[in-house]
Amino acid sequence: METQQFSGKNPLNLKDFFFKVLSGSANGILIGVVPAALMKYIILYSGMANNHIGAEFSAILTLFTSMIPFLIGMAVAMNFKMKILDTGVVALATMVASNSILWGMAQPGTVHPLTGKVISASSHVYMAAGAGDVINAMLVAGIAVFAIWLVDRYLNGFGSMAIILSPIIVGGGVGLFGKLIAPSVGQITNLIGQGVESFTNLAPLPMAILIAMAFSVIIITPVSSVGIALAISLSGLGAGASAMGVVATTIVLMINSWQVNKKGTTLAIFLGAMKGMMPSIFKKPAMLLSFMFAGALSSLTVPLFNIQGTPTTAGFGFIGMVSPLQSMIPDAAIPSTVMNHYINPFVGLIAWVVVPVIASFIAQLIFSKWLKLYSPEDLKQEL
């Protein structure tokens, strides 16, 4: 049975539209973020980073992160069964609107940072800048899909001129619109960051609980947990608490996924694919209570054992084992104003594994078994 290709002749269902954009975005994020996060410490501690090939491999994986908006656009278009041209147009519009690639005008006389040559004439310089604004990327991907649907429905998809007009009018036009609204959309992330930052003014225990609860939710939304942490320079106990919230959500998802999904899906969640579960969670938002509860209980060890982290490791959790390793391995390069205490492996085992696992099973017992707010079947999903 052939799959029906995307066409303006077919009506758009709002719910179906939303979840196709959400599912495609989740897949795009995973493809871009997991490789670098998973390999970070493997490359660092294996010595690969000390040779040219290893350093180049690390740079390539890191660059994947800046391709996340493009991957989101591509995956969203594929979810709608678009043809190659339209898939490329959606991906390009999403890419340019996300601020993952920044550009500016270099004046004559500027020294090129890579070649060392002096630029003789005014020219644009482009720079990869992380994942950009994922929320804006998702929004623009949806707008681009709708624009292509309108063009196909009322203008016959530009007919024989599609290969010329579609990239210019839809890709360029939607991309420009996305670029213009990016500052306003970015305020969403800023507001979330300000809310999290306000928690850092509290006493250690309530601070740890609230930050862990916040990040237990942020990690399964389009908002970047790492981006939030970097934006507010979250460090010390705050960084430890944020990572603990991510760990709690990871374990709750694994407990449910193990029962209904292929083992590979559960492994992917452990390795960092929590955002990939967004479609299932958005259909059953009551799961958020379980994440927050497990996060709150897990965070009690943060002030108890003085578990700390840095802005670059906050919000990672088990992804690449970045947060646990940072809390245990002394690093002379980290100023004491950022992180001044490290725990031993035994304490680390209790704090990062034993307590979160117990907290997650308690949360599962309360919210799934007793209150029946959700069931493992609600997490049945392929990644």
Protein backbone atom coordinates (compact mmCIF):
# COMPACT_ATOMS: atom_id res chain seq x y z
CA MET A 1 0.00 0.00 0.00
CA GLU A 2 1.52 3.32 -1.10
CA THR A 3 1.70 6.20 1.33
CA GLN A 4 -0.24 9.26 0.17
CA GLN A 5 2.07 12.15 -0.70
CA PHE A 6 1.53 15.60 0.78
CA SER A 7 -0.90 17.67 -1.25
CA GLY A 8 -2.85 20.90 -0.91
CA LYS A 9 -5.92 18.98 -1.99
CA ASN A 10 -5.96 17.16 1.34
CA PRO A 11 -7.44 18.98 4.37
CA LEU A 12 -5.19 19.78 7.32
CA ASN A 13 -6.29 18.43 10.68
CA LEU A 14 -5.06 20.71 13.48
CA LYS A 15 -4.34 17.92 15.98
CA ASP A 16 -2.62 15.76 13.38
CA PHE A 17 -0.66 18.79 12.16
CA PHE A 18 0.55 19.62 15.68
CA PHE A 19 1.73 16.12 16.50
CA LYS A 20 3.48 15.65 13.15
CA VAL A 21 5.43 18.86 13.78
CA LEU A 22 6.14 17.78 17.35
CA SER A 23 7.23 14.26 16.39
CA GLY A 24 9.46 15.49 13.57
CA SER A 25 11.02 18.08 15.84
CA ALA A 26 11.75 15.46 18.49
CA ASN A 27 13.54 13.27 15.95
CA GLY A 28 15.53 16.20 14.56
CA ILE A 29 16.69 17.19 18.03
CA LEU A 30 17.80 13.66 18.83
CA ILE A 31 19.83 13.23 15.65
CA GLY A 32 21.68 16.46 16.31
CA VAL A 33 22.25 16.47 20.05
CA VAL A 34 22.92 12.88 21.11
CA PRO A 35 26.19 12.14 19.22
CA ALA A 36 28.21 15.01 20.70
CA ALA A 37 26.72 14.60 24.18
CA LEU A 38 27.34 10.87 24.22
CA MET A 39 30.91 11.10 22.94
CA LYS A 40 32.08 14.16 24.91
CA TYR A 41 33.78 12.37 27.79
CA ILE A 42 34.71 9.31 25.73
CA ILE A 43 36.74 11.55 23.43
CA LEU A 44 38.16 13.56 26.33
CA TYR A 45 39.29 10.70 28.57
CA SER A 46 40.35 8.31 25.81
CA GLY A 47 42.96 10.77 24.61
CA MET A 48 41.28 11.14 21.19
CA ALA A 49 41.05 14.89 21.68
CA ASN A 50 44.85 15.11 21.77
CA ASN A 51 45.35 14.05 18.15
CA HIS A 52 44.22 15.68 14.92
CA ILE A 53 41.77 12.98 13.84
CA GLY A 54 40.11 12.79 17.25
CA ALA A 55 39.83 16.58 17.46
CA GLU A 56 38.31 16.74 13.98
CA PHE A 57 35.84 13.97 14.85
CA SER A 58 34.82 15.86 18.00
CA ALA A 59 34.35 19.07 16.00
CA ILE A 60 32.18 17.25 13.47
CA LEU A 61 29.91 15.84 16.18
CA THR A 62 29.68 19.25 17.83
CA LEU A 63 28.73 20.82 14.50
CA PHE A 64 25.79 18.42 14.32
CA THR A 65 24.24 20.52 17.09
CA SER A 66 24.08 23.58 14.84
CA MET A 67 22.32 21.43 12.23
CA ILE A 68 19.42 20.67 14.59
CA PRO A 69 17.06 23.26 13.03
CA PHE A 70 17.76 21.86 9.55
CA LEU A 71 17.13 18.34 10.85
CA ILE A 72 13.89 19.50 12.50
CA GLY A 73 12.66 20.97 9.22
CA MET A 74 13.64 17.86 7.29
CA ALA A 75 12.03 15.46 9.78
CA VAL A 76 8.82 17.52 9.97
CA ALA A 77 8.54 17.60 6.17
CA MET A 78 9.12 13.85 6.00
CA ASN A 79 6.37 13.31 8.58
CA PHE A 80 4.02 15.07 6.14
CA LYS A 81 5.26 12.83 3.28
CA MET A 82 6.53 15.79 1.29
CA LYS A 83 8.44 15.43 -1.96
CA ILE A 84 12.18 16.17 -2.09
CA LEU A 85 11.85 19.81 -3.19
CA ASP A 86 9.37 20.70 -0.46
CA THR A 87 11.39 18.82 2.16
CA GLY A 88 14.46 20.86 1.27
CA VAL A 89 12.51 24.12 1.33
CA VAL A 90 11.05 23.44 4.79
CA ALA A 91 14.48 22.42 6.12
CA LEU A 92 16.18 25.54 4.72
CA ALA A 93 13.50 27.92 6.02
CA THR A 94 13.74 26.35 9.46
CA MET A 95 17.53 26.52 9.44
CA VAL A 96 17.90 30.19 8.58
CA ALA A 97 15.23 31.32 11.05
CA SER A 98 16.61 29.56 14.12
CA ASN A 99 19.81 31.57 14.80
CA SER A 100 21.91 28.42 14.90
CA ILE A 101 23.90 30.10 12.15
CA LEU A 102 24.64 33.76 12.85
CA TRP A 103 26.03 36.24 10.38
CA GLY A 104 27.30 39.77 10.27
CA MET A 105 29.16 42.15 7.99
CA ALA A 106 32.95 42.07 8.17
CA GLN A 107 34.52 45.38 7.23
CA PRO A 108 37.60 45.74 4.98
CA GLY A 109 40.79 45.19 6.95
CA THR A 110 39.25 42.54 9.24
CA VAL A 111 41.46 39.50 9.77
CA HIS A 112 39.64 36.26 8.96
CA PRO A 113 39.68 34.15 12.18
CA LEU A 114 40.40 30.87 10.34
CA THR A 115 42.60 31.75 7.38
CA GLY A 116 44.40 34.68 9.00
CA LYS A 117 44.02 36.63 5.77
CA VAL A 118 42.90 40.25 5.70
CA ILE A 119 39.44 40.73 4.18
CA SER A 120 39.79 43.28 1.37
CA ALA A 121 36.10 44.08 0.82
CA SER A 122 32.96 44.13 2.96
CA SER A 123 31.48 40.65 3.14
CA HIS A 124 29.19 38.54 5.25
CA VAL A 125 30.75 36.20 7.79
CA TYR A 126 28.76 33.20 9.01
CA MET A 127 29.29 31.41 12.31
CA ALA A 128 27.74 28.26 13.76
CA ALA A 129 26.28 29.05 17.16
CA GLY A 130 24.84 25.92 18.75
CA ALA A 131 21.28 24.70 18.29
CA GLY A 132 19.75 28.16 18.15
CA ASP A 133 16.15 28.63 19.24
CA VAL A 134 14.48 25.23 18.92
CA ILE A 135 11.04 26.65 19.74
CA ASN A 136 11.31 29.08 16.83
CA ALA A 137 12.60 26.27 14.62
CA MET A 138 9.51 24.17 15.37
CA LEU A 139 7.22 27.15 14.80
CA VAL A 140 8.85 28.03 11.47
CA ALA A 141 8.80 24.41 10.32
CA GLY A 142 5.04 24.37 10.91
CA ILE A 143 4.58 27.69 9.10
CA ALA A 144 6.65 26.45 6.14
CA VAL A 145 4.52 23.31 5.88
CA PHE A 146 1.35 25.42 5.92
CA ALA A 147 2.78 27.80 3.30
CA ILE A 148 3.60 24.91 0.96
CA TRP A 149 0.10 23.51 1.51
CA LEU A 150 -1.43 26.89 0.55
CA VAL A 151 0.79 27.20 -2.53
CA ASP A 152 -0.09 23.69 -3.65
CA ARG A 153 -3.79 24.20 -2.99
CA TYR A 154 -4.26 27.60 -4.64
CA LEU A 155 -1.26 28.07 -6.97
CA ASN A 156 -0.75 24.48 -8.16
CA GLY A 157 2.57 24.38 -6.29
CA PHE A 158 4.00 27.01 -8.72
CA GLY A 159 3.73 24.42 -11.50
CA SER A 160 6.82 24.00 -13.65
CA MET A 161 8.45 26.98 -11.92
CA ALA A 162 8.40 25.27 -8.51
CA ILE A 163 12.12 24.46 -8.47
CA ILE A 164 12.84 28.19 -8.81
CA LEU A 165 9.99 29.90 -6.98
CA SER A 166 9.46 27.57 -4.02
CA PRO A 167 12.96 27.96 -2.50
CA ILE A 168 12.87 31.73 -3.06
CA ILE A 169 9.30 32.59 -2.05
CA VAL A 170 8.51 29.89 0.51
CA GLY A 171 12.03 29.09 1.75
CA GLY A 172 13.32 32.65 1.71
CA GLY A 173 10.02 34.29 2.66
CA VAL A 174 9.17 32.00 5.57
CA GLY A 175 12.82 32.03 6.64
CA LEU A 176 12.83 35.84 6.72
CA PHE A 177 9.55 35.89 8.65
CA GLY A 178 10.99 33.41 11.13
CA LYS A 179 14.10 35.52 11.51
CA LEU A 180 11.98 38.59 12.25
CA ILE A 181 9.89 36.88 14.93
CA ALA A 182 12.89 35.12 16.51
CA PRO A 183 13.56 37.85 19.14
CA SER A 184 9.93 37.71 20.33
CA VAL A 185 9.84 33.90 20.41
CA GLY A 186 13.18 33.93 22.24
CA GLN A 187 11.51 35.75 25.11
CA ILE A 188 9.82 32.45 26.03
CA THR A 189 13.20 30.91 26.82
CA ASN A 190 14.29 34.09 28.59
CA LEU A 191 11.23 34.06 30.84
CA ILE A 192 11.79 30.42 31.75
CA GLY A 193 15.43 31.19 32.49
CA GLN A 194 14.46 34.11 34.72
CA GLY A 195 12.04 31.89 36.62
CA VAL A 196 14.73 29.26 37.22
CA GLU A 197 17.24 31.94 38.16
CA SER A 198 14.89 33.27 40.85
CA PHE A 199 15.10 29.87 42.58
CA THR A 200 18.85 30.34 43.11
CA ASN A 201 18.12 33.07 45.65
CA LEU A 202 16.45 30.59 48.00
CA ALA A 203 17.99 28.42 50.72
CA PRO A 204 19.81 25.32 49.37
CA LEU A 205 17.04 22.77 50.00
CA PRO A 206 14.06 24.61 48.45
CA MET A 207 16.35 25.84 45.68
CA ALA A 208 17.42 22.29 44.82
CA ILE A 209 13.84 20.98 44.88
CA LEU A 210 12.41 23.73 42.66
CA ILE A 211 15.27 23.67 40.15
CA ALA A 212 15.11 19.87 39.90
CA MET A 213 11.35 20.01 39.36
CA ALA A 214 11.76 22.70 36.70
CA PHE A 215 14.42 20.78 34.75
CA SER A 216 12.52 17.51 35.06
CA VAL A 217 9.90 19.18 32.86
CA ILE A 218 12.18 21.31 30.66
CA ILE A 219 14.06 18.25 29.45
CA ILE A 220 10.98 16.85 27.70
CA THR A 221 9.95 20.16 26.08
CA PRO A 222 11.40 21.95 23.04
CA VAL A 223 13.25 24.28 25.42
CA SER A 224 16.96 23.49 25.74
CA SER A 225 17.85 22.54 29.30
CA VAL A 226 21.51 23.20 28.55
CA GLY A 227 20.63 26.51 26.90
CA ILE A 228 18.73 27.64 30.00
CA ALA A 229 21.64 26.66 32.26
CA LEU A 230 24.15 28.53 30.12
CA ALA A 231 21.91 31.59 29.79
CA ILE A 232 21.72 32.07 33.57
CA SER A 233 25.22 30.67 34.31
CA LEU A 234 23.76 27.98 36.56
CA SER A 235 26.55 26.44 38.63
CA GLY A 236 27.32 24.83 42.00
CA LEU A 237 24.33 23.28 43.74
CA GLY A 238 21.95 24.74 41.16
CA ALA A 239 23.72 22.86 38.37
CA GLY A 240 23.68 19.65 40.41
CA ALA A 241 19.94 20.02 41.09
CA SER A 242 19.12 20.67 37.43
CA ALA A 243 20.97 17.53 36.38
CA MET A 244 19.21 15.53 39.09
CA GLY A 245 15.83 16.61 37.71
CA VAL A 246 16.86 15.40 34.27
CA VAL A 247 18.01 12.07 35.75
CA ALA A 248 14.67 11.57 37.51
CA THR A 249 12.70 12.11 34.31
CA THR A 250 15.03 9.77 32.44
CA ILE A 251 14.45 6.94 34.91
CA VAL A 252 10.66 7.39 35.03
CA LEU A 253 10.58 7.25 31.23
CA MET A 254 12.80 4.16 31.22
CA ILE A 255 10.60 2.35 33.76
CA ASN A 256 7.57 2.84 31.50
CA SER A 257 9.32 2.36 28.18
CA TRP A 258 10.88 -0.93 29.26
CA GLN A 259 7.42 -2.44 29.60
CA VAL A 260 5.97 -1.45 26.23
CA ASN A 261 8.75 -0.45 23.80
CA LYS A 262 11.63 -2.18 22.10
CA LYS A 263 14.72 -2.31 24.27
CA GLY A 264 16.51 -0.04 21.82
CA THR A 265 14.02 2.74 22.56
CA THR A 266 14.65 2.43 26.29
CA LEU A 267 18.40 2.49 25.70
CA ALA A 268 18.00 5.59 23.55
CA ILE A 269 16.16 7.33 26.39
CA PHE A 270 19.03 6.52 28.74
CA LEU A 271 21.52 7.89 26.23
CA GLY A 272 19.64 11.17 25.93
CA ALA A 273 16.51 10.71 23.85
CA MET A 274 14.06 12.12 26.41
CA LYS A 275 12.89 14.87 24.07
CA GLY A 276 12.03 12.17 21.58
CA MET A 277 9.17 11.19 23.87
CA MET A 278 7.51 14.61 23.56
CA PRO A 279 4.62 13.39 21.39
CA SER A 280 3.57 10.77 23.96
CA ILE A 281 3.97 13.14 26.91
CA PHE A 282 2.04 15.95 25.23
CA LYS A 283 -0.83 13.51 24.74
CA LYS A 284 -0.71 12.62 28.45
CA PRO A 285 0.54 15.71 30.33
CA ALA A 286 -0.36 14.13 33.70
CA MET A 287 3.01 12.35 33.42
CA LEU A 288 4.64 15.66 34.30
CA LEU A 289 3.50 15.20 37.91
CA SER A 290 5.47 11.96 38.10
CA PHE A 291 8.59 13.63 36.69
CA MET A 292 8.39 16.55 39.10
CA PHE A 293 7.73 14.32 42.10
CA ALA A 294 10.68 12.06 41.29
CA GLY A 295 12.83 15.11 40.62
CA ALA A 296 11.94 16.68 43.95
CA LEU A 297 12.78 13.50 45.90
CA SER A 298 16.02 12.93 43.98
CA SER A 299 17.15 16.50 44.60
CA LEU A 300 17.26 15.99 48.37
CA THR A 301 20.74 14.50 47.98
CA VAL A 302 22.06 17.65 46.30
CA PRO A 303 22.35 19.86 49.40
CA LEU A 304 22.90 16.77 51.60
CA PHE A 305 26.05 15.67 49.73
CA ASN A 306 26.90 19.06 48.23
CA ILE A 307 26.57 17.84 44.65
CA GLN A 308 27.70 20.50 42.24
CA GLY A 309 28.16 21.17 38.55
CA THR A 310 29.02 23.85 36.02
CA PRO A 311 26.90 25.79 33.49
CA THR A 312 28.17 23.50 30.72
CA THR A 313 27.16 20.30 32.58
CA ALA A 314 23.91 21.50 34.15
CA GLY A 315 20.84 19.99 32.56
CA PHE A 316 22.65 16.99 31.02
CA GLY A 317 21.90 14.29 33.57
CA PHE A 318 22.82 10.83 32.25
CA ILE A 319 23.46 12.14 28.71
CA GLY A 320 27.04 11.08 28.10
CA MET A 321 27.25 10.72 31.91
CA VAL A 322 28.31 14.38 31.79
CA SER A 323 26.73 15.55 35.06
CA PRO A 324 27.69 12.56 37.28
CA LEU A 325 31.30 12.58 36.04
CA GLN A 326 31.63 16.33 36.53
CA SER A 327 30.41 16.02 40.11
CA MET A 328 33.08 13.39 40.91
CA ILE A 329 36.19 14.20 38.85
CA PRO A 330 38.20 17.24 40.05
CA ASP A 331 39.06 19.69 37.30
CA ALA A 332 41.71 22.30 38.01
CA ALA A 333 40.46 24.39 35.08
CA ILE A 334 37.15 25.10 36.85
CA PRO A 335 37.31 28.15 39.15
CA SER A 336 36.28 27.60 42.77
CA THR A 337 33.65 30.31 42.31
CA VAL A 338 31.90 27.98 39.86
CA MET A 339 32.43 24.61 41.57
CA ASN A 340 34.33 23.98 44.80
CA HIS A 341 33.34 20.48 45.89
CA TYR A 342 33.52 16.98 44.39
CA ILE A 343 31.91 13.80 45.71
CA ASN A 344 33.48 10.34 45.86
CA PRO A 345 32.23 7.47 43.62
CA PHE A 346 30.36 5.73 46.44
CA VAL A 347 28.37 8.86 47.24
CA GLY A 348 27.94 9.37 43.51
CA LEU A 349 26.41 5.90 43.14
CA ILE A 350 23.90 6.63 45.90
CA ALA A 351 23.06 10.13 44.68
CA TRP A 352 22.93 9.55 40.92
CA VAL A 353 21.54 6.01 40.80
CA VAL A 354 20.09 4.56 44.01
CA VAL A 355 18.03 7.53 45.20
CA PRO A 356 16.65 8.56 41.75
CA VAL A 357 15.67 4.94 41.00
CA ILE A 358 13.81 4.63 44.31
CA ALA A 359 12.20 8.06 43.82
CA SER A 360 11.11 7.15 40.29
CA PHE A 361 9.52 3.87 41.37
CA ILE A 362 7.65 5.69 44.14
CA ALA A 363 6.43 8.25 41.60
CA GLN A 364 5.37 5.44 39.27
CA LEU A 365 3.50 3.73 42.11
CA ILE A 366 1.62 6.87 43.13
CA PHE A 367 0.74 8.45 39.78
CA SER A 368 0.41 5.39 37.56
CA LYS A 369 -0.64 2.49 39.81
CA TRP A 370 -2.68 4.25 42.48
CA LEU A 371 -4.00 7.43 40.85
CA LYS A 372 -4.03 5.89 37.35
CA LEU A 373 -3.18 9.22 35.70
CA TYR A 374 -1.24 7.40 32.99
CA SER A 375 -0.03 3.91 32.11
CA PRO A 376 3.10 2.50 30.43
CA GLU A 377 1.01 2.03 27.29
CA ASP A 378 0.84 5.82 26.98
CA LEU A 379 4.61 5.80 26.40
CA LYS A 380 4.46 3.26 23.57
CA GLN A 381 6.45 4.94 20.84
CA GLU A 382 9.22 4.30 18.34
CA LEU A 383 12.26 6.57 18.24
